[in-house]
Amino acid sequence: MRLASYITHGRSGFGAVVGNGVVDMRLRMGPRFPTLLDVLREGALDELRAGAAGVRPDYPLADVRFLPPVVGPEKIICVGVNYTGRSGEFQDPAEDSKFPNLFFRAPGSLVGHLQPLVRPRESEQLDYEGEIALVIGRRGRRIPVEEALAHVAGYTLCNEGTVRDWLRHGSRNITPGKNFDASGSLGPWIVTADEIDPGQPLRLTTRVNGELRQDATTAAMIFGFAELIAYVSTFTTLVPGDVIVTGTPVGAGARFEPPRWLEPGDVVEIAVPEIGVLRNEVVDEP
């Protein structure tokens, strides 16, 4: 299934994407499940799947305003420098680390598919980072690697937008540059785990105004999906709806000379064929 969260006719909802439309599952599942996050927390994906089976879409996708697929997750955990070659891009020895490099993002820093990415007033150095994100479906702590993928509800995409000159305001503090409001995006939807084989390389691309900037497969990841889940769950309990953003390959705008920062009017498209295309246009903050 493809599962999206959205606003339509002034009302928030969630549903199953079927062709070019969406089956409104908030309407069909009733007051027990006001959001997709509630479905995940109650382990009700099978109930949702059964309710959507054979049902014609209620709305065309053109009539919905996409939200991030999971609205208000407890945790968004991001992984830095997790593809080979990234360390050389930024003269950073992190690629040699024995453990993943992690940081948190606030939900308000990410918008949905087709919603504007906002370049803040404080900087012109807004950059893109195309990534695959895992959505957790089962609670777990100290999850063994061999059991980790069973905790994944599904997969989505992230433009882990970064304000580069705000990454080093403190000597060891990248949080500000990763958390400007609406500087990144998540979506367009979740593809449930039963439809994706994470054992096969997934090809991830990023295009800016149609120009290919990033192109790699998950075979180039330093820490794989299962390893990341196992590591993160060592220090924090993963709960349904948590998002792990798994890292970006080489090709961000900062690697060019001079750097190619995002500007108003630029269109960024993150794609994985098995998941879809996450598309956003850049605007300046009013």
Protein backbone atom coordinates (compact mmCIF):
# COMPACT_ATOMS: atom_id res chain seq x y z
CA MET A 1 0.00 0.00 0.00
CA ARG A 2 0.86 3.65 -0.43
CA LEU A 3 -0.34 5.65 2.58
CA ALA A 4 -0.59 9.43 2.60
CA SER A 5 -1.62 12.15 5.04
CA TYR A 6 -3.22 15.28 3.63
CA ILE A 7 -5.73 18.09 3.90
CA THR A 8 -8.72 18.23 1.61
CA HIS A 9 -11.83 20.40 1.75
CA GLY A 10 -10.40 22.03 4.86
CA ARG A 11 -10.14 18.75 6.78
CA SER A 12 -7.08 16.69 7.64
CA GLY A 13 -7.15 13.02 6.73
CA PHE A 14 -5.16 10.01 5.65
CA GLY A 15 -5.73 7.29 3.15
CA ALA A 16 -4.54 4.72 0.68
CA VAL A 17 -3.24 6.06 -2.62
CA VAL A 18 -4.78 4.11 -5.50
CA GLY A 19 -3.72 5.14 -8.99
CA ASN A 20 -4.16 8.91 -9.20
CA GLY A 21 -6.59 9.10 -6.29
CA VAL A 22 -6.86 8.46 -2.59
CA VAL A 23 -9.26 6.33 -0.57
CA ASP A 24 -10.14 8.32 2.56
CA MET A 25 -9.47 5.93 5.43
CA ARG A 26 -10.07 8.43 8.20
CA LEU A 27 -13.69 8.48 7.08
CA ARG A 28 -13.91 4.69 6.88
CA MET A 29 -12.03 3.77 10.06
CA GLY A 30 -13.94 6.16 12.28
CA PRO A 31 -13.04 8.13 15.40
CA ARG A 32 -10.60 5.51 16.73
CA PHE A 33 -8.04 6.59 14.15
CA PRO A 34 -7.95 10.36 13.56
CA THR A 35 -4.46 10.14 12.01
CA LEU A 36 -2.19 7.64 10.30
CA LEU A 37 0.05 7.83 13.36
CA ASP A 38 -2.84 6.42 15.42
CA VAL A 39 -3.15 3.52 12.97
CA LEU A 40 0.55 2.75 13.39
CA ARG A 41 0.38 3.01 17.17
CA GLU A 42 -2.51 0.57 17.33
CA GLY A 43 -0.92 -1.87 14.87
CA ALA A 44 -3.95 -1.52 12.61
CA LEU A 45 -2.33 -1.55 9.16
CA ASP A 46 -4.03 -4.85 8.29
CA GLU A 47 -7.39 -3.32 9.23
CA LEU A 48 -6.63 -0.34 7.03
CA ARG A 49 -5.59 -2.61 4.17
CA ALA A 50 -8.81 -4.60 4.42
CA GLY A 51 -10.91 -1.45 4.52
CA ALA A 52 -9.27 -0.03 1.41
CA ALA A 53 -9.41 -3.21 -0.67
CA GLY A 54 -11.44 -2.82 -3.84
CA VAL A 55 -12.65 0.68 -2.93
CA ARG A 56 -12.70 3.44 -5.52
CA PRO A 57 -10.77 6.63 -4.63
CA ASP A 58 -12.71 9.40 -2.92
CA TYR A 59 -10.53 12.25 -4.19
CA PRO A 60 -8.08 12.79 -7.03
CA LEU A 61 -4.57 13.45 -5.79
CA ALA A 62 -4.75 16.87 -7.44
CA ASP A 63 -7.38 17.86 -4.84
CA VAL A 64 -5.33 17.09 -1.72
CA ARG A 65 -2.63 19.12 0.00
CA PHE A 66 0.01 16.67 1.11
CA LEU A 67 1.30 16.63 4.67
CA PRO A 68 4.32 14.64 5.81
CA PRO A 69 3.08 11.02 5.80
CA VAL A 70 3.42 10.77 9.59
CA VAL A 71 2.20 13.94 11.29
CA GLY A 72 3.67 14.61 14.72
CA PRO A 73 6.01 11.63 15.19
CA GLU A 74 7.67 11.27 18.57
CA LYS A 75 11.15 11.17 17.03
CA ILE A 76 12.82 12.03 13.73
CA ILE A 77 16.37 10.68 13.84
CA CYS A 78 18.73 11.52 10.97
CA VAL A 79 21.98 9.83 9.96
CA GLY A 80 24.93 11.85 8.74
CA VAL A 81 27.72 10.77 6.35
CA ASN A 82 26.31 7.30 5.64
CA TYR A 83 27.30 6.79 1.98
CA THR A 84 30.82 6.09 0.78
CA GLY A 85 32.51 9.17 -0.62
CA ARG A 86 30.65 11.67 1.54
CA SER A 87 33.57 12.29 3.88
CA GLY A 88 35.75 13.51 1.04
CA GLU A 89 32.98 15.84 -0.07
CA PHE A 90 33.22 17.82 3.15
CA GLN A 91 36.75 16.95 4.33
CA ASP A 92 35.11 15.12 7.23
CA PRO A 93 36.57 11.94 8.75
CA ALA A 94 33.14 10.74 9.86
CA GLU A 95 33.10 7.99 7.21
CA ASP A 96 35.72 6.17 9.28
CA SER A 97 33.53 6.18 12.39
CA LYS A 98 32.75 2.86 14.06
CA PHE A 99 29.22 4.04 14.79
CA PRO A 100 26.53 6.01 12.94
CA ASN A 101 26.51 9.80 13.19
CA LEU A 102 23.08 10.89 14.44
CA PHE A 103 21.07 14.05 15.04
CA PHE A 104 17.42 14.94 15.53
CA ARG A 105 15.05 17.02 13.44
CA ALA A 106 11.90 18.75 14.64
CA PRO A 107 8.65 17.85 12.82
CA GLY A 108 8.13 21.50 11.88
CA SER A 109 11.33 21.48 9.82
CA LEU A 110 9.71 19.15 7.26
CA VAL A 111 6.81 19.83 4.88
CA GLY A 112 4.89 17.45 2.65
CA HIS A 113 5.10 16.61 -1.04
CA LEU A 114 4.47 19.57 -3.39
CA GLN A 115 4.64 22.06 -0.51
CA PRO A 116 7.18 24.91 -0.62
CA LEU A 117 10.66 24.58 0.86
CA VAL A 118 11.45 27.82 2.62
CA ARG A 119 14.84 29.51 2.31
CA PRO A 120 15.15 31.45 5.58
CA ARG A 121 15.93 35.14 5.86
CA GLU A 122 19.12 34.38 7.76
CA SER A 123 20.98 32.56 4.97
CA GLU A 124 21.28 31.94 1.24
CA GLN A 125 22.98 28.57 1.80
CA LEU A 126 19.94 26.28 1.64
CA ASP A 127 21.04 22.87 0.34
CA TYR A 128 19.29 19.62 -0.61
CA GLU A 129 20.01 16.07 0.59
CA GLY A 130 17.99 13.23 -0.94
CA GLU A 131 17.42 10.34 1.48
CA ILE A 132 15.36 7.23 2.16
CA ALA A 133 13.47 7.25 5.46
CA LEU A 134 12.24 4.33 7.54
CA VAL A 135 8.92 4.56 9.37
CA ILE A 136 8.80 2.40 12.48
CA GLY A 137 5.74 0.22 12.99
CA ARG A 138 6.62 -1.83 16.08
CA ARG A 139 7.88 -0.70 19.46
CA GLY A 140 11.34 -1.97 20.40
CA ARG A 141 14.41 -1.42 22.54
CA ARG A 142 17.81 -3.05 21.95
CA ILE A 143 16.49 -4.65 18.77
CA PRO A 144 18.82 -7.32 17.32
CA VAL A 145 20.03 -6.66 13.78
CA GLU A 146 18.42 -9.85 12.53
CA GLU A 147 15.00 -8.72 13.83
CA ALA A 148 15.29 -5.04 12.96
CA LEU A 149 13.51 -4.94 9.60
CA ALA A 150 10.42 -6.54 11.15
CA HIS A 151 9.99 -3.25 13.04
CA VAL A 152 9.64 -1.21 9.82
CA ALA A 153 6.10 -0.28 8.81
CA GLY A 154 7.22 1.26 5.55
CA TYR A 155 9.52 3.50 3.55
CA THR A 156 9.31 7.09 2.42
CA LEU A 157 11.61 9.81 1.05
CA CYS A 158 13.18 12.85 2.63
CA ASN A 159 14.76 16.01 1.32
CA GLU A 160 16.89 16.62 4.39
CA GLY A 161 17.25 20.30 3.62
CA THR A 162 20.21 21.95 5.31
CA VAL A 163 21.21 25.57 5.93
CA ARG A 164 24.95 25.01 5.57
CA ASP A 165 26.41 28.07 7.27
CA TRP A 166 24.32 27.37 10.37
CA LEU A 167 25.81 23.87 10.83
CA ARG A 168 28.93 25.14 12.59
CA HIS A 169 27.75 28.04 14.71
CA GLY A 170 29.04 25.95 17.61
CA SER A 171 32.14 23.82 17.24
CA ARG A 172 30.14 20.60 17.62
CA ASN A 173 26.57 21.66 16.99
CA ILE A 174 24.80 21.02 13.67
CA THR A 175 21.25 21.23 15.09
CA PRO A 176 20.41 24.80 13.95
CA GLY A 177 21.32 24.17 10.31
CA LYS A 178 19.11 21.08 10.24
CA ASN A 179 16.00 22.53 11.82
CA PHE A 180 14.90 25.75 10.15
CA ASP A 181 11.14 25.68 9.73
CA ALA A 182 9.99 24.13 6.44
CA SER A 183 13.56 23.71 5.19
CA GLY A 184 13.10 20.05 4.23
CA SER A 185 10.37 17.65 3.20
CA LEU A 186 9.05 14.14 3.75
CA GLY A 187 6.86 12.08 1.43
CA PRO A 188 5.12 11.77 -0.88
CA TRP A 189 3.68 8.78 1.00
CA ILE A 190 4.69 5.65 2.87
CA VAL A 191 5.09 2.46 0.87
CA THR A 192 4.42 -0.40 3.25
CA ALA A 193 7.26 -2.78 4.01
CA ASP A 194 5.61 -5.76 2.33
CA GLU A 195 6.12 -4.08 -1.07
CA ILE A 196 9.86 -3.41 -0.80
CA ASP A 197 12.78 -5.82 -0.54
CA PRO A 198 15.47 -3.92 1.39
CA GLY A 199 17.92 -6.70 0.58
CA GLN A 200 18.03 -5.45 -3.00
CA PRO A 201 19.77 -2.14 -3.77
CA LEU A 202 17.38 0.79 -4.01
CA ARG A 203 18.42 3.51 -6.46
CA LEU A 204 18.14 7.01 -5.02
CA THR A 205 18.34 10.10 -7.24
CA THR A 206 18.05 13.82 -6.68
CA ARG A 207 17.33 16.29 -9.46
CA VAL A 208 17.30 20.07 -9.28
CA ASN A 209 15.34 21.69 -12.12
CA GLY A 210 15.63 18.37 -13.95
CA GLU A 211 19.44 18.17 -13.62
CA LEU A 212 20.70 14.97 -11.99
CA ARG A 213 22.74 15.87 -8.90
CA GLN A 214 22.73 12.69 -6.79
CA ASP A 215 22.63 9.10 -8.04
CA ALA A 216 23.52 6.10 -5.87
CA THR A 217 22.10 2.88 -4.52
CA THR A 218 21.75 1.69 -0.97
CA ALA A 219 24.61 -0.73 -1.68
CA ALA A 220 26.87 2.29 -1.01
CA MET A 221 25.53 2.79 2.51
CA ILE A 222 28.03 2.43 5.33
CA PHE A 223 25.42 1.37 7.89
CA GLY A 224 22.41 -0.48 6.46
CA PHE A 225 18.80 -0.12 7.51
CA ALA A 226 18.90 -2.99 10.02
CA GLU A 227 22.16 -1.77 11.57
CA LEU A 228 20.73 1.71 12.05
CA ILE A 229 17.59 0.40 13.76
CA ALA A 230 19.65 -1.83 16.04
CA TYR A 231 22.02 0.99 16.98
CA VAL A 232 19.37 3.65 17.57
CA SER A 233 17.21 1.31 19.63
CA THR A 234 20.15 0.68 21.95
CA PHE A 235 19.82 4.13 23.53
CA THR A 236 16.17 5.00 22.88
CA THR A 237 12.96 3.02 22.58
CA LEU A 238 11.65 3.15 19.03
CA VAL A 239 7.89 3.54 18.86
CA PRO A 240 5.40 3.37 15.98
CA GLY A 241 5.60 6.47 13.81
CA ASP A 242 9.23 7.24 14.58
CA VAL A 243 11.21 8.16 11.46
CA ILE A 244 14.84 7.27 10.75
CA VAL A 245 16.31 9.26 7.85
CA THR A 246 19.14 7.08 6.60
CA GLY A 247 21.68 9.40 4.95
CA THR A 248 22.42 11.03 1.61
CA PRO A 249 24.89 10.12 -1.16
CA VAL A 250 27.44 12.43 -2.76
CA GLY A 251 26.25 15.33 -4.88
CA ALA A 252 24.81 17.93 -2.52
CA GLY A 253 25.06 21.55 -3.64
CA ALA A 254 27.93 22.24 -1.25
CA ARG A 255 30.25 19.95 -3.22
CA PHE A 256 30.38 22.24 -6.25
CA GLU A 257 32.85 25.09 -6.73
CA PRO A 258 31.32 27.53 -6.28
CA PRO A 259 28.54 25.89 -4.22
CA ARG A 260 25.18 25.59 -5.91
CA TRP A 261 22.72 26.63 -3.22
CA LEU A 262 18.98 26.38 -3.77
CA GLU A 263 17.25 29.54 -4.92
CA PRO A 264 13.60 30.59 -5.11
CA GLY A 265 11.93 28.87 -8.06
CA ASP A 266 14.21 25.82 -7.97
CA VAL A 267 12.40 22.47 -8.04
CA VAL A 268 13.94 19.55 -6.16
CA GLU A 269 12.86 15.98 -6.92
CA ILE A 270 13.97 13.03 -4.78
CA ALA A 271 13.15 9.65 -6.34
CA VAL A 272 13.32 5.94 -5.63
CA PRO A 273 11.35 3.89 -8.21
CA GLU A 274 9.93 1.54 -5.58
CA ILE A 275 8.70 4.48 -3.48
CA GLY A 276 7.90 7.42 -5.75
CA VAL A 277 8.99 11.03 -6.29
CA LEU A 278 9.11 13.71 -3.61
CA ARG A 279 8.83 17.11 -5.31
CA ASN A 280 9.13 20.58 -3.79
CA GLU A 281 9.70 24.11 -5.04
CA VAL A 282 11.88 26.58 -3.16
CA VAL A 283 10.53 29.92 -1.97
CA ASP A 284 11.98 32.73 0.09
CA GLU A 285 10.63 33.26 3.57
CA PRO A 286 8.16 36.17 3.45
